[in-house]
Amino acid sequence: MALDPTTRDRIQSLIDGSPVVLFMKGDRAMPRCGFSAQVVRILDGLVGEYATHDVLSDPEIREGIKEFSSWPTIPQLYVNGEFLGGCDIVTEMAQSGDLEKALKG
């Protein structure tokens, strides 16, 4: 299914609105799944400020972000407009030091 242009523009606007954007279930203060909570813990340890978008409260974005990134799961992390990955990739990047480099770059 093709991504609706309006939804694509909304997603791009959210990504462009902050250097670090996490599409997640819940929000930073109250993640609503374990994978989202894990990425929040990692980001909280590395960066003070980042944007989150609760896909559970926005069904169009919830489905649209999967098409936008060609990635089937949530959470999804974007840094400086670039999609980095989901929970497993973010965790691996954090362990290797690559995530800290991407956040500082």
N, C-alpha and C. Protein backbone atom coordinates (compact mmCIF):
# COMPACT_ATOMS: atom_id res chain seq x y z
N MET A 1 0.84 -1.18 0.00
CA MET A 1 0.00 0.00 0.00
C MET A 1 0.88 1.25 0.00
N ALA A 2 0.60 2.17 -0.87
CA ALA A 2 1.39 3.40 -0.99
C ALA A 2 1.06 4.35 0.17
N LEU A 3 2.08 5.04 0.61
CA LEU A 3 1.92 6.00 1.69
C LEU A 3 1.24 7.27 1.17
N ASP A 4 0.19 7.67 1.83
CA ASP A 4 -0.55 8.89 1.49
C ASP A 4 0.40 10.09 1.56
N PRO A 5 0.40 10.97 0.55
CA PRO A 5 1.32 12.11 0.55
C PRO A 5 1.17 13.03 1.77
N THR A 6 -0.04 13.18 2.27
CA THR A 6 -0.24 14.02 3.46
C THR A 6 0.44 13.40 4.67
N THR A 7 0.30 12.09 4.83
CA THR A 7 0.94 11.40 5.94
C THR A 7 2.45 11.44 5.78
N ARG A 8 2.94 11.24 4.56
CA ARG A 8 4.39 11.33 4.30
C ARG A 8 4.92 12.70 4.71
N ASP A 9 4.20 13.75 4.36
CA ASP A 9 4.62 15.11 4.71
C ASP A 9 4.61 15.32 6.22
N ARG A 10 3.61 14.78 6.90
CA ARG A 10 3.56 14.89 8.37
C ARG A 10 4.75 14.20 9.00
N ILE A 11 5.06 12.99 8.53
CA ILE A 11 6.20 12.25 9.07
C ILE A 11 7.49 13.01 8.82
N GLN A 12 7.66 13.50 7.60
CA GLN A 12 8.88 14.25 7.28
C GLN A 12 9.00 15.50 8.14
N SER A 13 7.89 16.16 8.38
CA SER A 13 7.88 17.35 9.23
C SER A 13 8.29 17.01 10.67
N LEU A 14 7.81 15.89 11.19
CA LEU A 14 8.21 15.46 12.53
C LEU A 14 9.70 15.16 12.59
N ILE A 15 10.21 14.50 11.57
CA ILE A 15 11.64 14.16 11.52
C ILE A 15 12.48 15.42 11.39
N ASP A 16 12.02 16.36 10.59
CA ASP A 16 12.76 17.61 10.38
C ASP A 16 12.69 18.53 11.59
N GLY A 17 11.74 18.29 12.48
CA GLY A 17 11.51 19.18 13.62
C GLY A 17 12.49 19.06 14.75
N SER A 18 13.30 18.03 14.76
CA SER A 18 14.24 17.82 15.86
C SER A 18 15.41 16.98 15.35
N PRO A 19 16.62 17.21 15.88
CA PRO A 19 17.76 16.40 15.45
C PRO A 19 17.61 14.91 15.80
N VAL A 20 16.92 14.63 16.90
CA VAL A 20 16.71 13.24 17.33
C VAL A 20 15.22 13.04 17.55
N VAL A 21 14.65 12.08 16.80
CA VAL A 21 13.21 11.82 16.88
C VAL A 21 13.00 10.32 17.05
N LEU A 22 12.20 9.97 18.06
CA LEU A 22 11.87 8.58 18.32
C LEU A 22 10.37 8.39 18.13
N PHE A 23 10.00 7.56 17.16
CA PHE A 23 8.62 7.14 16.99
C PHE A 23 8.46 5.92 17.88
N MET A 24 7.55 5.99 18.83
CA MET A 24 7.47 4.96 19.86
C MET A 24 6.03 4.73 20.30
N LYS A 25 5.85 3.71 21.11
CA LYS A 25 4.56 3.45 21.74
C LYS A 25 4.61 4.09 23.12
N GLY A 26 3.74 5.08 23.33
CA GLY A 26 3.76 5.85 24.57
C GLY A 26 4.61 7.09 24.38
N ASP A 27 5.10 7.62 25.50
CA ASP A 27 5.96 8.79 25.42
C ASP A 27 7.17 8.59 26.32
N ARG A 28 8.06 9.56 26.31
CA ARG A 28 9.32 9.44 27.04
C ARG A 28 9.07 9.17 28.53
N ALA A 29 8.09 9.84 29.10
CA ALA A 29 7.80 9.67 30.52
C ALA A 29 7.11 8.34 30.83
N MET A 30 6.37 7.82 29.85
CA MET A 30 5.63 6.58 30.08
C MET A 30 5.59 5.73 28.81
N PRO A 31 6.69 5.04 28.50
CA PRO A 31 6.68 4.13 27.35
C PRO A 31 5.64 3.03 27.58
N ARG A 32 5.00 2.61 26.48
CA ARG A 32 3.94 1.61 26.60
C ARG A 32 4.30 0.27 25.98
N CYS A 33 5.59 0.05 25.76
CA CYS A 33 6.06 -1.29 25.39
C CYS A 33 7.53 -1.38 25.83
N GLY A 34 7.98 -2.60 26.03
CA GLY A 34 9.33 -2.81 26.51
C GLY A 34 10.40 -2.34 25.54
N PHE A 35 10.15 -2.50 24.25
CA PHE A 35 11.14 -2.08 23.25
C PHE A 35 11.29 -0.56 23.24
N SER A 36 10.16 0.14 23.31
CA SER A 36 10.22 1.60 23.37
C SER A 36 10.91 2.05 24.66
N ALA A 37 10.61 1.39 25.77
CA ALA A 37 11.23 1.73 27.05
C ALA A 37 12.75 1.54 26.99
N GLN A 38 13.20 0.50 26.33
CA GLN A 38 14.63 0.24 26.23
C GLN A 38 15.33 1.35 25.44
N VAL A 39 14.74 1.77 24.32
CA VAL A 39 15.35 2.83 23.52
C VAL A 39 15.34 4.15 24.30
N VAL A 40 14.28 4.43 25.04
CA VAL A 40 14.23 5.63 25.88
C VAL A 40 15.36 5.60 26.91
N ARG A 41 15.56 4.47 27.57
CA ARG A 41 16.65 4.35 28.56
C ARG A 41 18.01 4.64 27.91
N ILE A 42 18.21 4.09 26.73
CA ILE A 42 19.48 4.29 26.02
C ILE A 42 19.65 5.78 25.68
N LEU A 43 18.63 6.37 25.09
CA LEU A 43 18.73 7.78 24.71
C LEU A 43 18.89 8.68 25.93
N ASP A 44 18.15 8.40 27.00
CA ASP A 44 18.27 9.21 28.21
C ASP A 44 19.69 9.20 28.76
N GLY A 45 20.41 8.12 28.55
CA GLY A 45 21.79 8.03 29.02
C GLY A 45 22.79 8.73 28.11
N LEU A 46 22.36 9.10 26.91
CA LEU A 46 23.30 9.67 25.94
C LEU A 46 22.99 11.10 25.52
N VAL A 47 21.75 11.49 25.58
CA VAL A 47 21.36 12.81 25.08
C VAL A 47 20.28 13.41 25.98
N GLY A 48 20.37 14.70 26.21
CA GLY A 48 19.42 15.34 27.11
C GLY A 48 18.07 15.61 26.48
N GLU A 49 18.09 15.98 25.21
CA GLU A 49 16.86 16.39 24.58
C GLU A 49 16.63 15.61 23.28
N TYR A 50 15.43 15.13 23.14
CA TYR A 50 15.01 14.49 21.90
C TYR A 50 13.50 14.49 21.84
N ALA A 51 12.98 14.40 20.63
CA ALA A 51 11.53 14.41 20.43
C ALA A 51 11.02 12.98 20.35
N THR A 52 9.80 12.80 20.83
CA THR A 52 9.13 11.51 20.68
C THR A 52 7.77 11.74 20.04
N HIS A 53 7.28 10.73 19.39
CA HIS A 53 5.93 10.77 18.83
C HIS A 53 5.25 9.45 19.17
N ASP A 54 4.14 9.55 19.87
CA ASP A 54 3.38 8.37 20.31
C ASP A 54 2.52 7.84 19.15
N VAL A 55 2.94 6.73 18.58
CA VAL A 55 2.21 6.17 17.44
C VAL A 55 0.88 5.55 17.87
N LEU A 56 0.73 5.23 19.15
CA LEU A 56 -0.54 4.66 19.61
C LEU A 56 -1.66 5.69 19.58
N SER A 57 -1.31 6.96 19.69
CA SER A 57 -2.32 8.02 19.67
C SER A 57 -2.54 8.57 18.26
N ASP A 58 -1.84 8.01 17.27
CA ASP A 58 -1.90 8.54 15.91
C ASP A 58 -1.82 7.38 14.91
N PRO A 59 -2.96 6.73 14.63
CA PRO A 59 -2.96 5.55 13.77
C PRO A 59 -2.38 5.78 12.38
N GLU A 60 -2.58 6.96 11.80
CA GLU A 60 -2.02 7.24 10.48
C GLU A 60 -0.50 7.20 10.51
N ILE A 61 0.08 7.79 11.53
CA ILE A 61 1.55 7.78 11.67
C ILE A 61 2.02 6.38 12.03
N ARG A 62 1.27 5.68 12.87
CA ARG A 62 1.65 4.32 13.28
C ARG A 62 1.85 3.42 12.06
N GLU A 63 0.93 3.46 11.12
CA GLU A 63 1.07 2.64 9.93
C GLU A 63 1.98 3.31 8.89
N GLY A 64 1.89 4.61 8.79
CA GLY A 64 2.66 5.33 7.79
C GLY A 64 4.16 5.27 8.00
N ILE A 65 4.59 5.30 9.27
CA ILE A 65 6.04 5.30 9.54
C ILE A 65 6.67 3.99 9.08
N LYS A 66 5.92 2.91 9.13
CA LYS A 66 6.44 1.62 8.67
C LYS A 66 6.69 1.64 7.17
N GLU A 67 5.78 2.25 6.43
CA GLU A 67 5.93 2.38 4.98
C GLU A 67 7.05 3.39 4.66
N PHE A 68 7.07 4.48 5.41
CA PHE A 68 8.04 5.55 5.19
C PHE A 68 9.47 5.03 5.28
N SER A 69 9.73 4.21 6.29
CA SER A 69 11.08 3.72 6.55
C SER A 69 11.36 2.35 5.94
N SER A 70 10.32 1.69 5.44
CA SER A 70 10.43 0.29 5.01
C SER A 70 10.92 -0.59 6.16
N TRP A 71 10.44 -0.27 7.35
CA TRP A 71 10.81 -1.00 8.57
C TRP A 71 9.52 -1.37 9.28
N PRO A 72 9.29 -2.65 9.60
CA PRO A 72 7.97 -3.09 10.04
C PRO A 72 7.62 -2.88 11.51
N THR A 73 8.58 -2.44 12.32
CA THR A 73 8.31 -2.40 13.76
C THR A 73 8.52 -1.01 14.34
N ILE A 74 7.99 -0.84 15.54
CA ILE A 74 8.12 0.36 16.35
C ILE A 74 8.83 -0.10 17.62
N PRO A 75 9.77 0.64 18.16
CA PRO A 75 10.15 2.02 17.89
C PRO A 75 11.05 2.17 16.67
N GLN A 76 11.14 3.43 16.21
CA GLN A 76 12.04 3.78 15.13
C GLN A 76 12.75 5.08 15.51
N LEU A 77 14.07 5.07 15.36
CA LEU A 77 14.88 6.23 15.74
C LEU A 77 15.46 6.91 14.51
N TYR A 78 15.31 8.23 14.47
CA TYR A 78 15.88 9.07 13.41
C TYR A 78 16.85 10.06 14.06
N VAL A 79 18.04 10.17 13.48
CA VAL A 79 19.03 11.13 13.96
C VAL A 79 19.48 11.97 12.77
N ASN A 80 19.33 13.27 12.91
CA ASN A 80 19.67 14.20 11.83
C ASN A 80 19.02 13.80 10.51
N GLY A 81 17.76 13.40 10.60
CA GLY A 81 16.98 13.06 9.42
C GLY A 81 17.21 11.67 8.87
N GLU A 82 18.13 10.92 9.47
CA GLU A 82 18.46 9.58 8.97
C GLU A 82 17.86 8.51 9.87
N PHE A 83 17.20 7.54 9.26
CA PHE A 83 16.65 6.41 10.01
C PHE A 83 17.79 5.50 10.45
N LEU A 84 17.91 5.30 11.77
CA LEU A 84 18.96 4.42 12.29
C LEU A 84 18.48 3.00 12.49
N GLY A 85 17.25 2.82 12.96
CA GLY A 85 16.75 1.47 13.17
C GLY A 85 15.79 1.39 14.33
N GLY A 86 15.50 0.15 14.70
CA GLY A 86 14.61 -0.13 15.81
C GLY A 86 15.39 -0.49 17.05
N CYS A 87 14.73 -1.12 17.98
CA CYS A 87 15.31 -1.41 19.29
C CYS A 87 16.60 -2.22 19.21
N ASP A 88 16.60 -3.31 18.46
CA ASP A 88 17.79 -4.17 18.40
C ASP A 88 18.99 -3.43 17.82
N ILE A 89 18.77 -2.69 16.75
CA ILE A 89 19.87 -1.96 16.12
C ILE A 89 20.36 -0.84 17.02
N VAL A 90 19.43 -0.10 17.64
CA VAL A 90 19.82 0.98 18.55
C VAL A 90 20.62 0.41 19.72
N THR A 91 20.19 -0.73 20.25
CA THR A 91 20.91 -1.37 21.35
C THR A 91 22.32 -1.77 20.92
N GLU A 92 22.44 -2.38 19.76
CA GLU A 92 23.76 -2.76 19.25
C GLU A 92 24.64 -1.54 19.03
N MET A 93 24.05 -0.48 18.46
CA MET A 93 24.81 0.75 18.22
C MET A 93 25.27 1.38 19.54
N ALA A 94 24.43 1.31 20.56
CA ALA A 94 24.80 1.85 21.86
C ALA A 94 25.96 1.06 22.46
N GLN A 95 25.91 -0.25 22.34
CA GLN A 95 26.97 -1.10 22.90
C GLN A 95 28.30 -0.90 22.19
N SER A 96 28.25 -0.64 20.88
CA SER A 96 29.48 -0.47 20.11
C SER A 96 30.04 0.95 20.17
N GLY A 97 29.22 1.89 20.65
CA GLY A 97 29.64 3.29 20.67
C GLY A 97 29.22 4.07 19.44
N ASP A 98 28.67 3.36 18.44
CA ASP A 98 28.25 4.02 17.21
C ASP A 98 27.08 4.98 17.40
N LEU A 99 26.19 4.67 18.36
CA LEU A 99 25.05 5.54 18.58
C LEU A 99 25.51 6.88 19.16
N GLU A 100 26.42 6.85 20.09
CA GLU A 100 26.94 8.09 20.66
C GLU A 100 27.60 8.95 19.59
N LYS A 101 28.35 8.32 18.69
CA LYS A 101 28.97 9.04 17.59
C LYS A 101 27.92 9.65 16.68
N ALA A 102 26.87 8.91 16.37
CA ALA A 102 25.81 9.43 15.50
C ALA A 102 25.09 10.60 16.18
N LEU A 103 24.88 10.51 17.48
CA LEU A 103 24.19 11.57 18.19
C LEU A 103 25.03 12.84 18.28
N LYS A 104 26.33 12.68 18.32
CA LYS A 104 27.22 13.84 18.41
C LYS A 104 27.57 14.40 17.04
N GLY A 105 27.38 13.59 15.99
CA GLY A 105 27.74 13.98 14.64
C GLY A 105 26.71 14.86 14.06
